[in-house]
PDB file of N, CA and C in Angstrom:
ATOM      1  N   MET A   1     224.206-100.221 129.948  1.00  0.00           N
ATOM      2  CA  MET A   1     223.579 -99.019 130.452  1.00  0.00           C
ATOM      3  C   MET A   1     222.146 -98.968 129.923  1.00  0.00           C
ATOM      4  N   VAL A   2     221.216 -98.717 130.814  1.00  0.00           N
ATOM      5  CA  VAL A   2     219.804 -98.625 130.458  1.00  0.00           C
ATOM      6  C   VAL A   2     219.463 -97.161 130.195  1.00  0.00           C
ATOM      7  N   ALA A   3     218.889 -96.878 129.035  1.00  0.00           N
ATOM      8  CA  ALA A   3     218.518 -95.510 128.681  1.00  0.00           C
ATOM      9  C   ALA A   3     217.123 -95.187 129.190  1.00  0.00           C
ATOM     10  N   ILE A   4     217.002 -94.031 129.836  1.00  0.00           N
ATOM     11  CA  ILE A   4     215.714 -93.529 130.325  1.00  0.00           C
ATOM     12  C   ILE A   4     215.507 -92.155 129.711  1.00  0.00           C
ATOM     13  N   ASN A   5     214.349 -91.951 129.121  1.00  0.00           N
ATOM     14  CA  ASN A   5     214.024 -90.657 128.546  1.00  0.00           C
ATOM     15  C   ASN A   5     213.678 -89.689 129.669  1.00  0.00           C
ATOM     16  N   ARG A   6     214.344 -88.554 129.704  1.00  0.00           N
ATOM     17  CA  ARG A   6     214.125 -87.581 130.778  1.00  0.00           C
ATOM     18  C   ARG A   6     212.709 -87.003 130.770  1.00  0.00           C
ATOM     19  N   ASN A   7     211.971 -87.191 129.676  1.00  0.00           N
ATOM     20  CA  ASN A   7     210.599 -86.689 129.573  1.00  0.00           C
ATOM     21  C   ASN A   7     209.541 -87.722 129.950  1.00  0.00           C
ATOM     22  N   ASP A   8     209.967 -88.955 130.251  1.00  0.00           N
ATOM     23  CA  ASP A   8     209.016 -89.975 130.697  1.00  0.00           C
ATOM     24  C   ASP A   8     208.548 -89.664 132.113  1.00  0.00           C
ATOM     25  N   LYS A   9     207.333 -90.025 132.412  1.00  0.00           N
ATOM     26  CA  LYS A   9     206.780 -89.785 133.741  1.00  0.00           C
ATOM     27  C   LYS A   9     207.417 -90.738 134.760  1.00  0.00           C
ATOM     28  N   LEU A  10     207.610 -90.244 135.984  1.00  0.00           N
ATOM     29  CA  LEU A  10     208.226 -91.049 137.044  1.00  0.00           C
ATOM     30  C   LEU A  10     207.487 -92.359 137.274  1.00  0.00           C
ATOM     31  N   TYR A  11     206.187 -92.299 137.260  1.00  0.00           N
ATOM     32  CA  TYR A  11     205.401 -93.507 137.488  1.00  0.00           C
ATOM     33  C   TYR A  11     205.771 -94.587 136.481  1.00  0.00           C
ATOM     34  N   ASP A  12     205.825 -94.219 135.201  1.00  0.00           N
ATOM     35  CA  ASP A  12     206.141 -95.190 134.150  1.00  0.00           C
ATOM     36  C   ASP A  12     207.554 -95.734 134.287  1.00  0.00           C
ATOM     37  N   ILE A  13     208.490 -94.867 134.657  1.00  0.00           N
ATOM     38  CA  ILE A  13     209.876 -95.300 134.834  1.00  0.00           C
ATOM     39  C   ILE A  13     209.988 -96.290 135.988  1.00  0.00           C
ATOM     40  N   ILE A  14     209.350 -95.979 137.097  1.00  0.00           N
ATOM     41  CA  ILE A  14     209.467 -96.821 138.288  1.00  0.00           C
ATOM     42  C   ILE A  14     208.734 -98.140 138.116  1.00  0.00           C
ATOM     43  N   VAL A  15     207.678 -98.167 137.328  1.00  0.00           N
ATOM     44  CA  VAL A  15     207.013 -99.442 137.032  1.00  0.00           C
ATOM     45  C   VAL A  15     207.996-100.364 136.297  1.00  0.00           C
ATOM     46  N   LEU A  16     208.760 -99.796 135.357  1.00  0.00           N
ATOM     47  CA  LEU A  16     209.736-100.588 134.601  1.00  0.00           C
ATOM     48  C   LEU A  16     210.998-100.897 135.400  1.00  0.00           C
ATOM     49  N   TYR A  17     211.448 -99.931 136.183  1.00  0.00           N
ATOM     50  CA  TYR A  17     212.704-100.053 136.935  1.00  0.00           C
ATOM     51  C   TYR A  17     212.463 -99.622 138.387  1.00  0.00           C
ATOM     52  N   PRO A  18     211.963-100.520 139.233  1.00  0.00           N
ATOM     53  CA  PRO A  18     211.613-100.162 140.619  1.00  0.00           C
ATOM     54  C   PRO A  18     212.768 -99.571 141.431  1.00  0.00           C
ATOM     55  N   GLU A  19     213.999 -99.921 141.081  1.00  0.00           N
ATOM     56  CA  GLU A  19     215.149 -99.415 141.821  1.00  0.00           C
ATOM     57  C   GLU A  19     215.318 -97.893 141.663  1.00  0.00           C
ATOM     58  N   VAL A  20     214.704 -97.325 140.656  1.00  0.00           N
ATOM     59  CA  VAL A  20     214.779 -95.876 140.445  1.00  0.00           C
ATOM     60  C   VAL A  20     214.146 -95.132 141.616  1.00  0.00           C
ATOM     61  N   LYS A  21     213.167 -95.713 142.249  1.00  0.00           N
ATOM     62  CA  LYS A  21     212.509 -95.078 143.401  1.00  0.00           C
ATOM     63  C   LYS A  21     213.526 -94.821 144.516  1.00  0.00           C
ATOM     64  N   ASP A  22     214.391 -95.787 144.783  1.00  0.00           N
ATOM     65  CA  ASP A  22     215.414 -95.618 145.818  1.00  0.00           C
ATOM     66  C   ASP A  22     216.469 -94.596 145.396  1.00  0.00           C
ATOM     67  N   ILE A  23     216.837 -94.615 144.125  1.00  0.00           N
ATOM     68  CA  ILE A  23     217.804 -93.632 143.615  1.00  0.00           C
ATOM     69  C   ILE A  23     217.250 -92.227 143.810  1.00  0.00           C
ATOM     70  N   MET A  24     215.990 -92.039 143.436  1.00  0.00           N
ATOM     71  CA  MET A  24     215.356 -90.728 143.580  1.00  0.00           C
ATOM     72  C   MET A  24     215.301 -90.296 145.049  1.00  0.00           C
ATOM     73  N   ALA A  25     214.947 -91.201 145.925  1.00  0.00           N
ATOM     74  CA  ALA A  25     214.862 -90.876 147.350  1.00  0.00           C
ATOM     75  C   ALA A  25     216.226 -90.458 147.888  1.00  0.00           C
ATOM     76  N   ARG A  26     217.299 -91.162 147.488  1.00  0.00           N
ATOM     77  CA  ARG A  26     218.642 -90.817 147.945  1.00  0.00           C
ATOM     78  C   ARG A  26     219.095 -89.455 147.415  1.00  0.00           C
ATOM     79  N   LEU A  27     218.599 -89.073 146.256  1.00  0.00           N
ATOM     80  CA  LEU A  27     218.952 -87.773 145.678  1.00  0.00           C
ATOM     81  C   LEU A  27     218.247 -86.612 146.383  1.00  0.00           C
ATOM     82  N   GLY A  28     217.219 -86.902 147.163  1.00  0.00           N
ATOM     83  CA  GLY A  28     216.503 -85.848 147.870  1.00  0.00           C
ATOM     84  C   GLY A  28     215.034 -85.742 147.511  1.00  0.00           C
ATOM     85  N   PHE A  29     214.564 -86.640 146.666  1.00  0.00           N
ATOM     86  CA  PHE A  29     213.145 -86.662 146.305  1.00  0.00           C
ATOM     87  C   PHE A  29     212.400 -87.524 147.331  1.00  0.00           C
ATOM     88  N   LYS A  30     212.379 -87.062 148.568  1.00  0.00           N
ATOM     89  CA  LYS A  30     211.829 -87.846 149.690  1.00  0.00           C
ATOM     90  C   LYS A  30     210.336 -88.146 149.533  1.00  0.00           C
ATOM     91  N   ASP A  31     209.597 -87.272 148.870  1.00  0.00           N
ATOM     92  CA  ASP A  31     208.150 -87.454 148.726  1.00  0.00           C
ATOM     93  C   ASP A  31     207.793 -88.675 147.890  1.00  0.00           C
ATOM     94  N   ILE A  32     208.721 -89.144 147.069  1.00  0.00           N
ATOM     95  CA  ILE A  32     208.440 -90.261 146.164  1.00  0.00           C
ATOM     96  C   ILE A  32     208.105 -91.542 146.938  1.00  0.00           C
ATOM     97  N   VAL A  33     208.592 -91.651 148.174  1.00  0.00           N
ATOM     98  CA  VAL A  33     208.338 -92.870 148.945  1.00  0.00           C
ATOM     99  C   VAL A  33     207.088 -92.773 149.821  1.00  0.00           C
ATOM    100  N   LYS A  34     206.470 -91.595 149.859  1.00  0.00           N
ATOM    101  CA  LYS A  34     205.239 -91.440 150.640  1.00  0.00           C
ATOM    102  C   LYS A  34     204.097 -92.174 149.944  1.00  0.00           C
ATOM    103  N   PRO A  35     203.251 -92.843 150.715  1.00  0.00           N
ATOM    104  CA  PRO A  35     202.126 -93.563 150.109  1.00  0.00           C
ATOM    105  C   PRO A  35     201.263 -92.645 149.247  1.00  0.00           C
ATOM    106  N   GLY A  36     200.969 -93.097 148.052  1.00  0.00           N
ATOM    107  CA  GLY A  36     200.097 -92.364 147.160  1.00  0.00           C
ATOM    108  C   GLY A  36     200.781 -91.325 146.281  1.00  0.00           C
ATOM    109  N   MET A  37     201.969 -90.899 146.644  1.00  0.00           N
ATOM    110  CA  MET A  37     202.645 -89.854 145.865  1.00  0.00           C
ATOM    111  C   MET A  37     203.036 -90.339 144.474  1.00  0.00           C
ATOM    112  N   LEU A  38     203.533 -91.553 144.376  1.00  0.00           N
ATOM    113  CA  LEU A  38     203.925 -92.073 143.066  1.00  0.00           C
ATOM    114  C   LEU A  38     202.701 -92.204 142.167  1.00  0.00           C
ATOM    115  N   GLN A  39     201.582 -92.650 142.735  1.00  0.00           N
ATOM    116  CA  GLN A  39     200.360 -92.833 141.944  1.00  0.00           C
ATOM    117  C   GLN A  39     199.727 -91.507 141.535  1.00  0.00           C
ATOM    118  N   SER A  40     200.012 -90.445 142.272  1.00  0.00           N
ATOM    119  CA  SER A  40     199.415 -89.155 141.914  1.00  0.00           C
ATOM    120  C   SER A  40     200.436 -88.269 141.190  1.00  0.00           C
ATOM    121  N   MET A  41     201.368 -87.713 141.908  1.00  0.00           N
ATOM    122  CA  MET A  41     202.349 -86.809 141.307  1.00  0.00           C
ATOM    123  C   MET A  41     203.262 -87.520 140.315  1.00  0.00           C
ATOM    124  N   GLY A  42     203.526 -88.789 140.549  1.00  0.00           N
ATOM    125  CA  GLY A  42     204.406 -89.550 139.663  1.00  0.00           C
ATOM    126  C   GLY A  42     203.865 -89.693 138.256  1.00  0.00           C
ATOM    127  N   LYS A  43     202.558 -89.517 138.114  1.00  0.00           N
ATOM    128  CA  LYS A  43     201.959 -89.645 136.785  1.00  0.00           C
ATOM    129  C   LYS A  43     202.037 -88.349 135.975  1.00  0.00           C
ATOM    130  N   ILE A  44     202.442 -87.257 136.628  1.00  0.00           N
ATOM    131  CA  ILE A  44     202.599 -85.997 135.890  1.00  0.00           C
ATOM    132  C   ILE A  44     204.032 -85.456 135.956  1.00  0.00           C
ATOM    133  N   MET A  45     204.829 -85.971 136.892  1.00  0.00           N
ATOM    134  CA  MET A  45     206.177 -85.452 137.120  1.00  0.00           C
ATOM    135  C   MET A  45     207.221 -86.268 136.357  1.00  0.00           C
ATOM    136  N   THR A  46     208.207 -85.562 135.800  1.00  0.00           N
ATOM    137  CA  THR A  46     209.358 -86.211 135.170  1.00  0.00           C
ATOM    138  C   THR A  46     210.565 -86.022 136.086  1.00  0.00           C
ATOM    139  N   ILE A  47     211.640 -86.738 135.804  1.00  0.00           N
ATOM    140  CA  ILE A  47     212.856 -86.584 136.599  1.00  0.00           C
ATOM    141  C   ILE A  47     213.381 -85.156 136.472  1.00  0.00           C
ATOM    142  N   GLU A  48     213.368 -84.635 135.260  1.00  0.00           N
ATOM    143  CA  GLU A  48     213.891 -83.286 135.033  1.00  0.00           C
ATOM    144  C   GLU A  48     213.044 -82.225 135.738  1.00  0.00           C
ATOM    145  N   LYS A  49     211.717 -82.324 135.630  1.00  0.00           N
ATOM    146  CA  LYS A  49     210.838 -81.368 136.315  1.00  0.00           C
ATOM    147  C   LYS A  49     211.033 -81.456 137.826  1.00  0.00           C
ATOM    148  N   GLY A  50     211.163 -82.679 138.320  1.00  0.00           N
ATOM    149  CA  GLY A  50     211.358 -82.873 139.753  1.00  0.00           C
ATOM    150  C   GLY A  50     212.654 -82.260 140.252  1.00  0.00           C
ATOM    151  N   SER A  51     213.714 -82.405 139.468  1.00  0.00           N
ATOM    152  CA  SER A  51     214.998 -81.838 139.890  1.00  0.00           C
ATOM    153  C   SER A  51     214.924 -80.307 139.948  1.00  0.00           C
ATOM    154  N   ARG A  52     214.197 -79.715 139.001  1.00  0.00           N
ATOM    155  CA  ARG A  52     214.026 -78.258 139.037  1.00  0.00           C
ATOM    156  C   ARG A  52     213.168 -77.851 140.233  1.00  0.00           C
ATOM    157  N   ALA A  53     212.086 -78.583 140.481  1.00  0.00           N
ATOM    158  CA  ALA A  53     211.182 -78.253 141.586  1.00  0.00           C
ATOM    159  C   ALA A  53     211.881 -78.372 142.940  1.00  0.00           C
ATOM    160  N   LYS A  54     212.757 -79.358 143.061  1.00  0.00           N
ATOM    161  CA  LYS A  54     213.464 -79.591 144.329  1.00  0.00           C
ATOM    162  C   LYS A  54     214.809 -78.867 144.381  1.00  0.00           C
ATOM    163  N   ASN A  55     215.140 -78.144 143.293  1.00  0.00           N
ATOM    164  CA  ASN A  55     216.403 -77.420 143.213  1.00  0.00           C
ATOM    165  C   ASN A  55     217.603 -78.355 143.407  1.00  0.00           C
ATOM    166  N   ILE A  56     217.544 -79.503 142.733  1.00  0.00           N
ATOM    167  CA  ILE A  56     218.626 -80.487 142.770  1.00  0.00           C
ATOM    168  C   ILE A  56     219.352 -80.408 141.431  1.00  0.00           C
ATOM    169  N   SER A  57     220.653 -80.273 141.492  1.00  0.00           N
ATOM    170  CA  SER A  57     221.473 -80.112 140.296  1.00  0.00           C
ATOM    171  C   SER A  57     221.226 -81.233 139.288  1.00  0.00           C
ATOM    172  N   TRP A  58     220.971 -80.844 138.039  1.00  0.00           N
ATOM    173  CA  TRP A  58     220.743 -81.836 136.982  1.00  0.00           C
ATOM    174  C   TRP A  58     221.990 -82.692 136.778  1.00  0.00           C
ATOM    175  N   ASP A  59     223.177 -82.090 136.893  1.00  0.00           N
ATOM    176  CA  ASP A  59     224.416 -82.856 136.758  1.00  0.00           C
ATOM    177  C   ASP A  59     224.519 -83.931 137.833  1.00  0.00           C
ATOM    178  N   LEU A  60     224.121 -83.596 139.056  1.00  0.00           N
ATOM    179  CA  LEU A  60     224.124 -84.574 140.142  1.00  0.00           C
ATOM    180  C   LEU A  60     223.169 -85.718 139.825  1.00  0.00           C
ATOM    181  N   VAL A  61     221.991 -85.393 139.322  1.00  0.00           N
ATOM    182  CA  VAL A  61     221.000 -86.411 138.973  1.00  0.00           C
ATOM    183  C   VAL A  61     221.550 -87.332 137.883  1.00  0.00           C
ATOM    184  N   VAL A  62     222.090 -86.742 136.819  1.00  0.00           N
ATOM    185  CA  VAL A  62     222.622 -87.526 135.699  1.00  0.00           C
ATOM    186  C   VAL A  62     223.748 -88.438 136.171  1.00  0.00           C
ATOM    187  N   ASN A  63     224.677 -87.899 136.953  1.00  0.00           N
ATOM    188  CA  ASN A  63     225.815 -88.689 137.429  1.00  0.00           C
ATOM    189  C   ASN A  63     225.393 -89.802 138.381  1.00  0.00           C
ATOM    190  N   THR A  64     224.431 -89.534 139.235  1.00  0.00           N
ATOM    191  CA  THR A  64     223.951 -90.552 140.166  1.00  0.00           C
ATOM    192  C   THR A  64     223.270 -91.686 139.409  1.00  0.00           C
ATOM    193  N   PHE A  65     222.453 -91.353 138.434  1.00  0.00           N
ATOM    194  CA  PHE A  65     221.808 -92.378 137.631  1.00  0.00           C
ATOM    195  C   PHE A  65     222.856 -93.194 136.874  1.00  0.00           C
ATOM    196  N   LYS A  66     223.876 -92.516 136.360  1.00  0.00           N
ATOM    197  CA  LYS A  66     224.949 -93.198 135.630  1.00  0.00           C
ATOM    198  C   LYS A  66     225.664 -94.202 136.529  1.00  0.00           C
ATOM    199  N   GLU A  67     225.897 -93.814 137.787  1.00  0.00           N
ATOM    200  CA  GLU A  67     226.547 -94.702 138.764  1.00  0.00           C
ATOM    201  C   GLU A  67     225.723 -95.968 138.996  1.00  0.00           C
ATOM    202  N   HIS A  68     224.410 -95.885 138.775  1.00  0.00           N
ATOM    203  CA  HIS A  68     223.526 -97.025 138.996  1.00  0.00           C
ATOM    204  C   HIS A  68     223.155 -97.738 137.693  1.00  0.00           C
ATOM    205  N   GLY A  69     223.840 -97.376 136.613  1.00  0.00           N
ATOM    206  CA  GLY A  69     223.640 -98.088 135.350  1.00  0.00           C
ATOM    207  C   GLY A  69     222.547 -97.536 134.445  1.00  0.00           C
ATOM    208  N   PHE A  70     222.142 -96.297 134.680  1.00  0.00           N
ATOM    209  CA  PHE A  70     221.106 -95.663 133.877  1.00  0.00           C
ATOM    210  C   PHE A  70     221.660 -94.430 133.172  1.00  0.00           C
ATOM    211  N   GLU A  71     221.236 -94.236 131.946  1.00  0.00           N
ATOM    212  CA  GLU A  71     221.601 -93.043 131.192  1.00  0.00           C
ATOM    213  C   GLU A  71     220.343 -92.240 130.913  1.00  0.00           C
ATOM    214  N   LEU A  72     220.349 -90.983 131.342  1.00  0.00           N
ATOM    215  CA  LEU A  72     219.200 -90.110 131.094  1.00  0.00           C
ATOM    216  C   LEU A  72     219.411 -89.410 129.766  1.00  0.00           C
ATOM    217  N   ILE A  73     218.477 -89.657 128.836  1.00  0.00           N
ATOM    218  CA  ILE A  73     218.605 -89.081 127.493  1.00  0.00           C
ATOM    219  C   ILE A  73     217.493 -88.077 127.227  1.00  0.00           C
TER     220      ILE A  73
END
């Protein structure tokens, strides 16, 4: 299981683990795949902040990441 700090910026996480971009998109973070969004908002947004902004259950996010081999700490 790969540990990801919930306070790390999305941009930094996706640079290390590109598959996270697809996980996020499937969870409902559709803007992450738009050109330029990762380079702009991804540098200030965290997974936790994004889930609150999009009103996506944190438990759903944690469980989905776990299913893909990631642990949000």
